Amino acid sequence: MGEILVMGAGLLGSHHLTLETVEAVASADVVYHLVTGMEAEQRLRQLNPRVFSLVGFYRDGDLDLEVYGRIVSFLLAQAMAGLRVAFVVMGHPSIYVAPTHLLLEHGPRYGIPVHILPALSSIDTILSWMPFDIANTGLQILDSNRLVSYGLVPMRNVPLLVFQVGCFGSGFITRQLQNAPDRLRPLVDYLLAYYPGEHPVELIECEMGWPHRAVRHRLTLAELATSGHLVNYNTTLFVPQAEPVSIRDPAFHARLVAPEAVSSLVQAPPTHGSQADNPGPAR
């Protein structure tokens, strides 16, 4: 049996590839990828001549879960033939990459080890643009379809990233078609229960190398209801906080700067020659 190494190319190909990923790609028996930036694909081919795209598995009109199932079955078959398989995706391999999690679930059933390597994600890129410190504000990350399906309640005082808005409302793939202007209306109607119509939002596409350039559309939440034509499968919706965070527990907050509060939270290290250092004779 072989193994499968799942890794991410980041968003800018060779500019975002980690040294760990470069080594793994170069040492693999075969490399399969879902990378769309031309520069990123060229870099993979420089590292390993046996590089093949799996983008052809995506066909408009197919249910996304069926596509992911075909990809996972194909990769497992390659590994079962004894190959060390590298599977490279855009961004981070565990963030909105369903095949990664399906491989982790099904690989062990067939005796195939599956290893995930860390990588830069679109979240890293988006945060580099944002004028807030998540240490102070926190950050919410939700999926557009699940936000509505699960009836999740966004926190108005925490910035919100809504992913997968380009496939909102359907599990069937429509990557090659332009979205209708009102595709996001049900999402906007849902968000209007928590944010005012004049609340500013932003549609973001990260730089991914030619032909995928960075795009930022600033508009109001109400305007978003008729702006579905501006989104695609690479688009993320950013919703800034609608109210500032504030201290709700003054007593706890005061303890954060009280020196005496630390003594109840930590333990002194054991002294030399204590029982912890001398466990006694082995039995």
C-alpha atoms as a PDB file:
ATOM      1  CA  MET A   1       0.000   0.000   0.000  1.00  0.00           C
ATOM      2  CA  GLY A   2       1.093   3.567  -0.691  1.00  0.00           C
ATOM      3  CA  GLU A   3       0.086   6.771   1.059  1.00  0.00           C
ATOM      4  CA  ILE A   4      -1.577  10.090   0.304  1.00  0.00           C
ATOM      5  CA  LEU A   5      -0.100  13.456   1.211  1.00  0.00           C
ATOM      6  CA  VAL A   6      -2.654  16.267   1.032  1.00  0.00           C
ATOM      7  CA  MET A   7      -1.163  19.728   0.781  1.00  0.00           C
ATOM      8  CA  GLY A   8      -2.027  23.279  -0.214  1.00  0.00           C
ATOM      9  CA  ALA A   9      -0.322  25.560  -2.714  1.00  0.00           C
ATOM     10  CA  GLY A  10      -1.512  28.647  -0.888  1.00  0.00           C
ATOM     11  CA  LEU A  11      -2.952  31.273  -3.184  1.00  0.00           C
ATOM     12  CA  LEU A  12       0.105  32.400  -5.111  1.00  0.00           C
ATOM     13  CA  GLY A  13       1.845  29.239  -6.203  1.00  0.00           C
ATOM     14  CA  SER A  14       5.603  29.318  -5.636  1.00  0.00           C
ATOM     15  CA  HIS A  15       5.219  32.475  -3.538  1.00  0.00           C
ATOM     16  CA  HIS A  16       3.088  30.607  -0.989  1.00  0.00           C
ATOM     17  CA  LEU A  17       4.426  27.051  -1.157  1.00  0.00           C
ATOM     18  CA  THR A  18       6.022  26.033   2.125  1.00  0.00           C
ATOM     19  CA  LEU A  19       9.404  24.312   2.162  1.00  0.00           C
ATOM     20  CA  GLU A  20       7.674  21.218   3.568  1.00  0.00           C
ATOM     21  CA  THR A  21       5.266  21.140   0.627  1.00  0.00           C
ATOM     22  CA  VAL A  22       8.057  21.652  -1.917  1.00  0.00           C
ATOM     23  CA  GLU A  23       9.913  18.660  -0.505  1.00  0.00           C
ATOM     24  CA  ALA A  24       6.782  16.497  -0.444  1.00  0.00           C
ATOM     25  CA  VAL A  25       5.865  17.324  -4.045  1.00  0.00           C
ATOM     26  CA  ALA A  26       9.387  16.641  -5.273  1.00  0.00           C
ATOM     27  CA  SER A  27       9.567  13.240  -3.545  1.00  0.00           C
ATOM     28  CA  ALA A  28       6.093  11.957  -4.533  1.00  0.00           C
ATOM     29  CA  ASP A  29       5.647   9.168  -7.082  1.00  0.00           C
ATOM     30  CA  VAL A  30       2.828  11.124  -8.689  1.00  0.00           C
ATOM     31  CA  VAL A  31       1.222  14.527  -8.109  1.00  0.00           C
ATOM     32  CA  TYR A  32      -2.466  15.263  -8.674  1.00  0.00           C
ATOM     33  CA  HIS A  33      -3.811  18.757  -8.196  1.00  0.00           C
ATOM     34  CA  LEU A  34      -6.810  21.065  -8.216  1.00  0.00           C
ATOM     35  CA  VAL A  35      -4.686  24.175  -8.697  1.00  0.00           C
ATOM     36  CA  THR A  36      -6.104  26.797 -11.063  1.00  0.00           C
ATOM     37  CA  GLY A  37      -3.427  29.509 -11.172  1.00  0.00           C
ATOM     38  CA  MET A  38      -1.070  28.973 -14.108  1.00  0.00           C
ATOM     39  CA  GLU A  39       2.021  30.002 -12.146  1.00  0.00           C
ATOM     40  CA  ALA A  40       1.228  27.536  -9.379  1.00  0.00           C
ATOM     41  CA  GLU A  41       0.765  24.669 -11.837  1.00  0.00           C
ATOM     42  CA  GLN A  42       4.026  25.512 -13.612  1.00  0.00           C
ATOM     43  CA  ARG A  43       5.882  25.449 -10.306  1.00  0.00           C
ATOM     44  CA  LEU A  44       4.512  21.988  -9.505  1.00  0.00           C
ATOM     45  CA  ARG A  45       5.771  20.712 -12.858  1.00  0.00           C
ATOM     46  CA  GLN A  46       9.199  22.144 -12.121  1.00  0.00           C
ATOM     47  CA  LEU A  47       9.299  20.167  -8.884  1.00  0.00           C
ATOM     48  CA  ASN A  48       7.995  16.880 -10.272  1.00  0.00           C
ATOM     49  CA  PRO A  49       7.475  15.809 -13.922  1.00  0.00           C
ATOM     50  CA  ARG A  50       4.587  13.488 -13.003  1.00  0.00           C
ATOM     51  CA  VAL A  51       1.963  16.183 -12.402  1.00  0.00           C
ATOM     52  CA  PHE A  52      -1.662  15.774 -13.480  1.00  0.00           C
ATOM     53  CA  SER A  53      -4.704  18.019 -13.073  1.00  0.00           C
ATOM     54  CA  LEU A  54      -7.970  16.736 -11.603  1.00  0.00           C
ATOM     55  CA  VAL A  55      -9.907  19.877 -12.551  1.00  0.00           C
ATOM     56  CA  GLY A  56     -11.622  17.804 -15.252  1.00  0.00           C
ATOM     57  CA  PHE A  57     -13.515  15.949 -12.510  1.00  0.00           C
ATOM     58  CA  TYR A  58     -15.584  19.105 -12.027  1.00  0.00           C
ATOM     59  CA  ARG A  59     -18.470  19.230 -14.471  1.00  0.00           C
ATOM     60  CA  ASP A  60     -21.212  21.843 -14.387  1.00  0.00           C
ATOM     61  CA  GLY A  61     -24.533  20.336 -13.431  1.00  0.00           C
ATOM     62  CA  ASP A  62     -23.020  17.600 -11.250  1.00  0.00           C
ATOM     63  CA  LEU A  63     -23.730  17.442  -7.529  1.00  0.00           C
ATOM     64  CA  ASP A  64     -20.611  18.597  -5.689  1.00  0.00           C
ATOM     65  CA  LEU A  65     -20.570  15.607  -3.314  1.00  0.00           C
ATOM     66  CA  GLU A  66     -20.570  13.236  -6.290  1.00  0.00           C
ATOM     67  CA  VAL A  67     -17.564  15.045  -7.778  1.00  0.00           C
ATOM     68  CA  TYR A  68     -15.696  14.852  -4.484  1.00  0.00           C
ATOM     69  CA  GLY A  69     -16.505  11.153  -4.237  1.00  0.00           C
ATOM     70  CA  ARG A  70     -15.015  10.491  -7.685  1.00  0.00           C
ATOM     71  CA  ILE A  71     -11.848  12.387  -6.798  1.00  0.00           C
ATOM     72  CA  VAL A  72     -11.412  10.512  -3.527  1.00  0.00           C
ATOM     73  CA  SER A  73     -12.038   7.121  -5.138  1.00  0.00           C
ATOM     74  CA  PHE A  74      -9.464   7.889  -7.827  1.00  0.00           C
ATOM     75  CA  LEU A  75      -6.807   8.977  -5.320  1.00  0.00           C
ATOM     76  CA  LEU A  76      -7.387   5.943  -3.093  1.00  0.00           C
ATOM     77  CA  ALA A  77      -7.005   3.650  -6.105  1.00  0.00           C
ATOM     78  CA  GLN A  78      -3.660   5.257  -6.934  1.00  0.00           C
ATOM     79  CA  ALA A  79      -2.386   4.781  -3.398  1.00  0.00           C
ATOM     80  CA  MET A  80      -3.648   1.189  -3.256  1.00  0.00           C
ATOM     81  CA  ALA A  81      -1.361   0.497  -6.214  1.00  0.00           C
ATOM     82  CA  GLY A  82       1.561   1.303  -3.939  1.00  0.00           C
ATOM     83  CA  LEU A  83       2.206   4.907  -4.965  1.00  0.00           C
ATOM     84  CA  ARG A  84       3.187   7.812  -2.744  1.00  0.00           C
ATOM     85  CA  VAL A  85       0.507  10.232  -3.945  1.00  0.00           C
ATOM     86  CA  ALA A  86       0.658  13.999  -3.513  1.00  0.00           C
ATOM     87  CA  PHE A  87      -2.698  15.775  -3.755  1.00  0.00           C
ATOM     88  CA  VAL A  88      -2.314  19.552  -4.060  1.00  0.00           C
ATOM     89  CA  VAL A  89      -5.177  22.028  -3.689  1.00  0.00           C
ATOM     90  CA  MET A  90      -5.451  25.808  -3.545  1.00  0.00           C
ATOM     91  CA  GLY A  91      -5.131  27.488  -0.160  1.00  0.00           C
ATOM     92  CA  HIS A  92      -5.096  25.289   2.949  1.00  0.00           C
ATOM     93  CA  PRO A  93      -5.975  21.607   2.415  1.00  0.00           C
ATOM     94  CA  SER A  94      -8.356  21.448   5.388  1.00  0.00           C
ATOM     95  CA  ILE A  95     -10.273  24.685   4.744  1.00  0.00           C
ATOM     96  CA  TYR A  96     -13.236  24.210   2.390  1.00  0.00           C
ATOM     97  CA  VAL A  97     -11.688  21.206   0.679  1.00  0.00           C
ATOM     98  CA  ALA A  98     -14.209  18.379   1.074  1.00  0.00           C
ATOM     99  CA  PRO A  99     -11.962  15.680  -0.530  1.00  0.00           C
ATOM    100  CA  THR A 100      -9.439  16.172   2.285  1.00  0.00           C
ATOM    101  CA  HIS A 101     -11.936  15.202   4.938  1.00  0.00           C
ATOM    102  CA  LEU A 102     -13.333  12.349   2.847  1.00  0.00           C
ATOM    103  CA  LEU A 103      -9.800  10.982   2.427  1.00  0.00           C
ATOM    104  CA  LEU A 104      -9.232  11.170   6.175  1.00  0.00           C
ATOM    105  CA  GLU A 105     -12.468   9.258   6.698  1.00  0.00           C
ATOM    106  CA  HIS A 106     -12.087   6.563   4.056  1.00  0.00           C
ATOM    107  CA  GLY A 107      -8.321   6.162   3.693  1.00  0.00           C
ATOM    108  CA  PRO A 108      -7.846   4.142   6.918  1.00  0.00           C
ATOM    109  CA  ARG A 109     -10.656   1.780   5.872  1.00  0.00           C
ATOM    110  CA  TYR A 110      -8.470   0.682   2.972  1.00  0.00           C
ATOM    111  CA  GLY A 111      -5.210   0.750   4.897  1.00  0.00           C
ATOM    112  CA  ILE A 112      -4.085   3.978   3.228  1.00  0.00           C
ATOM    113  CA  PRO A 113      -2.318   6.502   5.482  1.00  0.00           C
ATOM    114  CA  VAL A 114      -3.447  10.066   4.783  1.00  0.00           C
ATOM    115  CA  HIS A 115      -1.259  12.962   5.944  1.00  0.00           C
ATOM    116  CA  ILE A 116      -2.255  16.640   5.866  1.00  0.00           C
ATOM    117  CA  LEU A 117       0.391  19.343   5.519  1.00  0.00           C
ATOM    118  CA  PRO A 118      -0.319  22.909   6.690  1.00  0.00           C
ATOM    119  CA  ALA A 119      -0.448  25.763   4.199  1.00  0.00           C
ATOM    120  CA  LEU A 120      -1.452  29.389   3.710  1.00  0.00           C
ATOM    121  CA  SER A 121      -5.194  29.884   3.294  1.00  0.00           C
ATOM    122  CA  SER A 122      -7.462  32.565   1.876  1.00  0.00           C
ATOM    123  CA  ILE A 123      -8.195  33.499   5.488  1.00  0.00           C
ATOM    124  CA  ASP A 124      -4.537  34.489   5.945  1.00  0.00           C
ATOM    125  CA  THR A 125      -4.701  36.680   2.850  1.00  0.00           C
ATOM    126  CA  ILE A 126      -7.998  38.317   3.801  1.00  0.00           C
ATOM    127  CA  LEU A 127      -6.800  39.091   7.326  1.00  0.00           C
ATOM    128  CA  SER A 128      -3.801  40.938   5.895  1.00  0.00           C
ATOM    129  CA  TRP A 129      -6.311  43.390   4.353  1.00  0.00           C
ATOM    130  CA  MET A 130      -8.583  43.821   7.352  1.00  0.00           C
ATOM    131  CA  PRO A 131      -8.373  46.890   9.642  1.00  0.00           C
ATOM    132  CA  PHE A 132      -8.961  45.023  12.904  1.00  0.00           C
ATOM    133  CA  ASP A 133      -7.086  42.851  15.372  1.00  0.00           C
ATOM    134  CA  ILE A 134      -8.815  39.507  15.921  1.00  0.00           C
ATOM    135  CA  ALA A 135      -7.264  39.380  19.392  1.00  0.00           C
ATOM    136  CA  ASN A 136      -9.635  42.238  20.266  1.00  0.00           C
ATOM    137  CA  THR A 137     -12.617  41.480  18.054  1.00  0.00           C
ATOM    138  CA  GLY A 138     -12.552  37.739  17.394  1.00  0.00           C
ATOM    139  CA  LEU A 139     -13.587  36.397  14.000  1.00  0.00           C
ATOM    140  CA  GLN A 140     -16.571  34.383  12.760  1.00  0.00           C
ATOM    141  CA  ILE A 141     -16.184  32.066   9.759  1.00  0.00           C
ATOM    142  CA  LEU A 142     -19.384  30.523   8.410  1.00  0.00           C
ATOM    143  CA  ASP A 143     -20.520  28.731   5.256  1.00  0.00           C
ATOM    144  CA  SER A 144     -23.251  30.531   3.303  1.00  0.00           C
ATOM    145  CA  ASN A 145     -25.524  27.526   2.779  1.00  0.00           C
ATOM    146  CA  ARG A 146     -25.116  26.179   6.302  1.00  0.00           C
ATOM    147  CA  LEU A 147     -25.644  29.614   7.806  1.00  0.00           C
ATOM    148  CA  VAL A 148     -29.193  29.562   6.460  1.00  0.00           C
ATOM    149  CA  SER A 149     -29.831  25.793   6.625  1.00  0.00           C
ATOM    150  CA  TYR A 150     -28.761  25.543  10.275  1.00  0.00           C
ATOM    151  CA  GLY A 151     -30.288  28.866  11.286  1.00  0.00           C
ATOM    152  CA  LEU A 152     -26.990  30.029  12.783  1.00  0.00           C
ATOM    153  CA  VAL A 153     -27.025  33.339  14.642  1.00  0.00           C
ATOM    154  CA  PRO A 154     -24.104  35.639  13.769  1.00  0.00           C
ATOM    155  CA  MET A 155     -22.670  37.801  16.549  1.00  0.00           C
ATOM    156  CA  ARG A 156     -23.166  41.447  15.598  1.00  0.00           C
ATOM    157  CA  ASN A 157     -20.064  42.578  17.487  1.00  0.00           C
ATOM    158  CA  VAL A 158     -17.668  40.118  15.804  1.00  0.00           C
ATOM    159  CA  PRO A 159     -16.449  40.460  12.171  1.00  0.00           C
ATOM    160  CA  LEU A 160     -17.900  37.777   9.909  1.00  0.00           C
ATOM    161  CA  LEU A 161     -16.492  35.957   6.866  1.00  0.00           C
ATOM    162  CA  VAL A 162     -19.086  34.039   4.837  1.00  0.00           C
ATOM    163  CA  PHE A 163     -17.497  31.503   2.504  1.00  0.00           C
ATOM    164  CA  GLN A 164     -18.867  29.776  -0.591  1.00  0.00           C
ATOM    165  CA  VAL A 165     -21.274  32.564  -1.546  1.00  0.00           C
ATOM    166  CA  GLY A 166     -20.643  31.708  -5.209  1.00  0.00           C
ATOM    167  CA  CYS A 167     -22.470  28.412  -4.785  1.00  0.00           C
ATOM    168  CA  PHE A 168     -25.177  29.683  -2.442  1.00  0.00           C
ATOM    169  CA  GLY A 169     -28.554  28.003  -2.757  1.00  0.00           C
ATOM    170  CA  SER A 170     -27.480  24.804  -4.525  1.00  0.00           C
ATOM    171  CA  GLY A 171     -25.146  21.828  -4.203  1.00  0.00           C
ATOM    172  CA  PHE A 172     -24.946  21.516  -7.986  1.00  0.00           C
ATOM    173  CA  ILE A 173     -21.873  22.913  -9.692  1.00  0.00           C
ATOM    174  CA  THR A 174     -22.344  26.083 -11.753  1.00  0.00           C
ATOM    175  CA  ARG A 175     -18.747  27.293 -11.992  1.00  0.00           C
ATOM    176  CA  GLN A 176     -18.809  28.123 -15.695  1.00  0.00           C
ATOM    177  CA  LEU A 177     -22.013  30.185 -15.581  1.00  0.00           C
ATOM    178  CA  GLN A 178     -22.533  33.745 -14.436  1.00  0.00           C
ATOM    179  CA  ASN A 179     -24.693  33.993 -11.349  1.00  0.00           C
ATOM    180  CA  ALA A 180     -28.075  35.694 -11.616  1.00  0.00           C
ATOM    181  CA  PRO A 181     -28.183  39.127  -9.930  1.00  0.00           C
ATOM    182  CA  ASP A 182     -30.656  37.938  -7.282  1.00  0.00           C
ATOM    183  CA  ARG A 183     -28.906  34.664  -6.389  1.00  0.00           C
ATOM    184  CA  LEU A 184     -27.911  35.993  -2.960  1.00  0.00           C
ATOM    185  CA  ARG A 185     -31.287  37.495  -2.073  1.00  0.00           C
ATOM    186  CA  PRO A 186     -32.276  34.693   0.389  1.00  0.00           C
ATOM    187  CA  LEU A 187     -28.876  35.067   2.091  1.00  0.00           C
ATOM    188  CA  VAL A 188     -29.361  38.824   2.356  1.00  0.00           C
ATOM    189  CA  ASP A 189     -32.898  38.377   3.694  1.00  0.00           C
ATOM    190  CA  TYR A 190     -31.472  36.113   6.394  1.00  0.00           C
ATOM    191  CA  LEU A 191     -28.696  38.547   7.333  1.00  0.00           C
ATOM    192  CA  LEU A 192     -31.129  41.478   7.461  1.00  0.00           C
ATOM    193  CA  ALA A 193     -32.541  39.962  10.653  1.00  0.00           C
ATOM    194  CA  TYR A 194     -29.202  40.808  12.302  1.00  0.00           C
ATOM    195  CA  TYR A 195     -27.761  43.738  10.341  1.00  0.00           C
ATOM    196  CA  PRO A 196     -29.374  46.897   8.904  1.00  0.00           C
ATOM    197  CA  GLY A 197     -29.771  47.225   5.147  1.00  0.00           C
ATOM    198  CA  GLU A 198     -27.296  50.111   5.025  1.00  0.00           C
ATOM    199  CA  HIS A 199     -24.603  48.059   6.777  1.00  0.00           C
ATOM    200  CA  PRO A 200     -21.423  47.990   4.624  1.00  0.00           C
ATOM    201  CA  VAL A 201     -20.232  44.613   3.316  1.00  0.00           C
ATOM    202  CA  GLU A 202     -17.526  43.548   0.908  1.00  0.00           C
ATOM    203  CA  LEU A 203     -17.158  40.851  -1.751  1.00  0.00           C
ATOM    204  CA  ILE A 204     -13.558  39.640  -1.831  1.00  0.00           C
ATOM    205  CA  GLU A 205     -11.568  37.526  -4.265  1.00  0.00           C
ATOM    206  CA  CYS A 206      -7.969  36.867  -3.302  1.00  0.00           C
ATOM    207  CA  GLU A 207      -5.053  37.149  -5.689  1.00  0.00           C
ATOM    208  CA  MET A 208      -4.304  33.655  -7.053  1.00  0.00           C
ATOM    209  CA  GLY A 209      -1.984  34.409  -9.944  1.00  0.00           C
ATOM    210  CA  TRP A 210      -2.984  34.894 -13.573  1.00  0.00           C
ATOM    211  CA  PRO A 211      -5.822  34.901 -14.549  1.00  0.00           C
ATOM    212  CA  HIS A 212      -7.240  35.244 -11.023  1.00  0.00           C
ATOM    213  CA  ARG A 213      -6.609  38.778  -9.789  1.00  0.00           C
ATOM    214  CA  ALA A 214      -7.650  40.291  -6.468  1.00  0.00           C
ATOM    215  CA  VAL A 215     -11.127  41.857  -6.529  1.00  0.00           C
ATOM    216  CA  ARG A 216     -12.916  43.862  -3.847  1.00  0.00           C
ATOM    217  CA  HIS A 217     -16.488  45.140  -4.230  1.00  0.00           C
ATOM    218  CA  ARG A 218     -17.764  47.413  -1.437  1.00  0.00           C
ATOM    219  CA  LEU A 219     -21.522  47.806  -1.163  1.00  0.00           C
ATOM    220  CA  THR A 220     -24.341  47.784   1.362  1.00  0.00           C
ATOM    221  CA  LEU A 221     -26.082  44.662   2.576  1.00  0.00           C
ATOM    222  CA  ALA A 222     -29.298  45.748   0.814  1.00  0.00           C
ATOM    223  CA  GLU A 223     -27.413  46.234  -2.465  1.00  0.00           C
ATOM    224  CA  LEU A 224     -25.971  42.746  -2.158  1.00  0.00           C
ATOM    225  CA  ALA A 225     -29.451  41.300  -2.788  1.00  0.00           C
ATOM    226  CA  THR A 226     -29.200  42.308  -6.458  1.00  0.00           C
ATOM    227  CA  SER A 227     -25.442  41.833  -6.915  1.00  0.00           C
ATOM    228  CA  GLY A 228     -25.180  38.072  -7.363  1.00  0.00           C
ATOM    229  CA  HIS A 229     -23.583  38.580 -10.783  1.00  0.00           C
ATOM    230  CA  LEU A 230     -20.487  39.922  -8.989  1.00  0.00           C
ATOM    231  CA  VAL A 231     -19.740  36.637  -7.195  1.00  0.00           C
ATOM    232  CA  ASN A 232     -18.066  33.446  -8.353  1.00  0.00           C
ATOM    233  CA  TYR A 233     -16.627  30.299  -6.743  1.00  0.00           C
ATOM    234  CA  ASN A 234     -13.640  32.290  -5.419  1.00  0.00           C
ATOM    235  CA  THR A 235     -15.700  34.982  -3.692  1.00  0.00           C
ATOM    236  CA  THR A 236     -15.948  35.467   0.073  1.00  0.00           C
ATOM    237  CA  LEU A 237     -18.371  37.849   1.783  1.00  0.00           C
ATOM    238  CA  PHE A 238     -16.980  40.045   4.548  1.00  0.00           C
ATOM    239  CA  VAL A 239     -19.459  41.543   7.024  1.00  0.00           C
ATOM    240  CA  PRO A 240     -17.860  44.008   9.482  1.00  0.00           C
ATOM    241  CA  GLN A 241     -19.053  44.136  13.055  1.00  0.00           C
ATOM    242  CA  ALA A 242     -22.243  46.163  13.482  1.00  0.00           C
ATOM    243  CA  GLU A 243     -21.488  47.192  17.045  1.00  0.00           C
ATOM    244  CA  PRO A 244     -18.254  47.379  19.061  1.00  0.00           C
ATOM    245  CA  VAL A 245     -17.230  44.793  21.595  1.00  0.00           C
ATOM    246  CA  SER A 246     -17.587  45.958  25.190  1.00  0.00           C
ATOM    247  CA  ILE A 247     -16.705  44.663  28.634  1.00  0.00           C
ATOM    248  CA  ARG A 248     -19.649  42.687  30.032  1.00  0.00           C
ATOM    249  CA  ASP A 249     -17.831  41.210  33.053  1.00  0.00           C
ATOM    250  CA  PRO A 250     -15.947  44.056  34.773  1.00  0.00           C
ATOM    251  CA  ALA A 251     -14.824  41.862  37.684  1.00  0.00           C
ATOM    252  CA  PHE A 252     -13.169  39.306  35.402  1.00  0.00           C
ATOM    253  CA  HIS A 253     -11.629  42.037  33.251  1.00  0.00           C
ATOM    254  CA  ALA A 254     -10.122  43.695  36.319  1.00  0.00           C
ATOM    255  CA  ARG A 255      -8.397  40.445  37.305  1.00  0.00           C
ATOM    256  CA  LEU A 256      -6.510  40.408  33.988  1.00  0.00           C
ATOM    257  CA  VAL A 257      -4.280  43.225  35.274  1.00  0.00           C
ATOM    258  CA  ALA A 258      -4.265  42.251  38.959  1.00  0.00           C
ATOM    259  CA  PRO A 259      -0.904  40.643  39.917  1.00  0.00           C
ATOM    260  CA  GLU A 260      -2.403  38.733  42.828  1.00  0.00           C
ATOM    261  CA  ALA A 261      -4.869  36.948  40.510  1.00  0.00           C
ATOM    262  CA  VAL A 262      -2.045  35.010  38.853  1.00  0.00           C
ATOM    263  CA  SER A 263      -1.167  33.034  41.984  1.00  0.00           C
ATOM    264  CA  SER A 264      -4.441  31.082  41.832  1.00  0.00           C
ATOM    265  CA  LEU A 265      -3.930  30.150  38.171  1.00  0.00           C
ATOM    266  CA  VAL A 266      -0.452  28.603  38.208  1.00  0.00           C
ATOM    267  CA  GLN A 267       1.539  26.140  40.283  1.00  0.00           C
ATOM    268  CA  ALA A 268       5.091  26.489  41.480  1.00  0.00           C
ATOM    269  CA  PRO A 269       7.549  24.016  39.864  1.00  0.00           C
ATOM    270  CA  PRO A 270       8.508  21.034  42.073  1.00  0.00           C
ATOM    271  CA  THR A 271      11.633  21.611  44.139  1.00  0.00           C
ATOM    272  CA  HIS A 272      14.791  19.552  43.518  1.00  0.00           C
ATOM    273  CA  GLY A 273      14.678  16.210  45.328  1.00  0.00           C
ATOM    274  CA  SER A 274      10.887  16.157  45.622  1.00  0.00           C
ATOM    275  CA  GLN A 275       8.874  13.003  45.177  1.00  0.00           C
ATOM    276  CA  ALA A 276       8.114  14.055  41.580  1.00  0.00           C
ATOM    277  CA  ASP A 277      11.858  13.966  40.831  1.00  0.00           C
ATOM    278  CA  ASN A 278      12.393  10.672  42.664  1.00  0.00           C
ATOM    279  CA  PRO A 279       9.701   8.243  41.627  1.00  0.00           C
ATOM    280  CA  GLY A 280      11.359   5.425  43.565  1.00  0.00           C
ATOM    281  CA  PRO A 281      12.695   2.047  42.486  1.00  0.00           C
ATOM    282  CA  ALA A 282      11.266   0.425  39.403  1.00  0.00           C
ATOM    283  CA  ARG A 283       8.944  -2.499  39.982  1.00  0.00           C
END
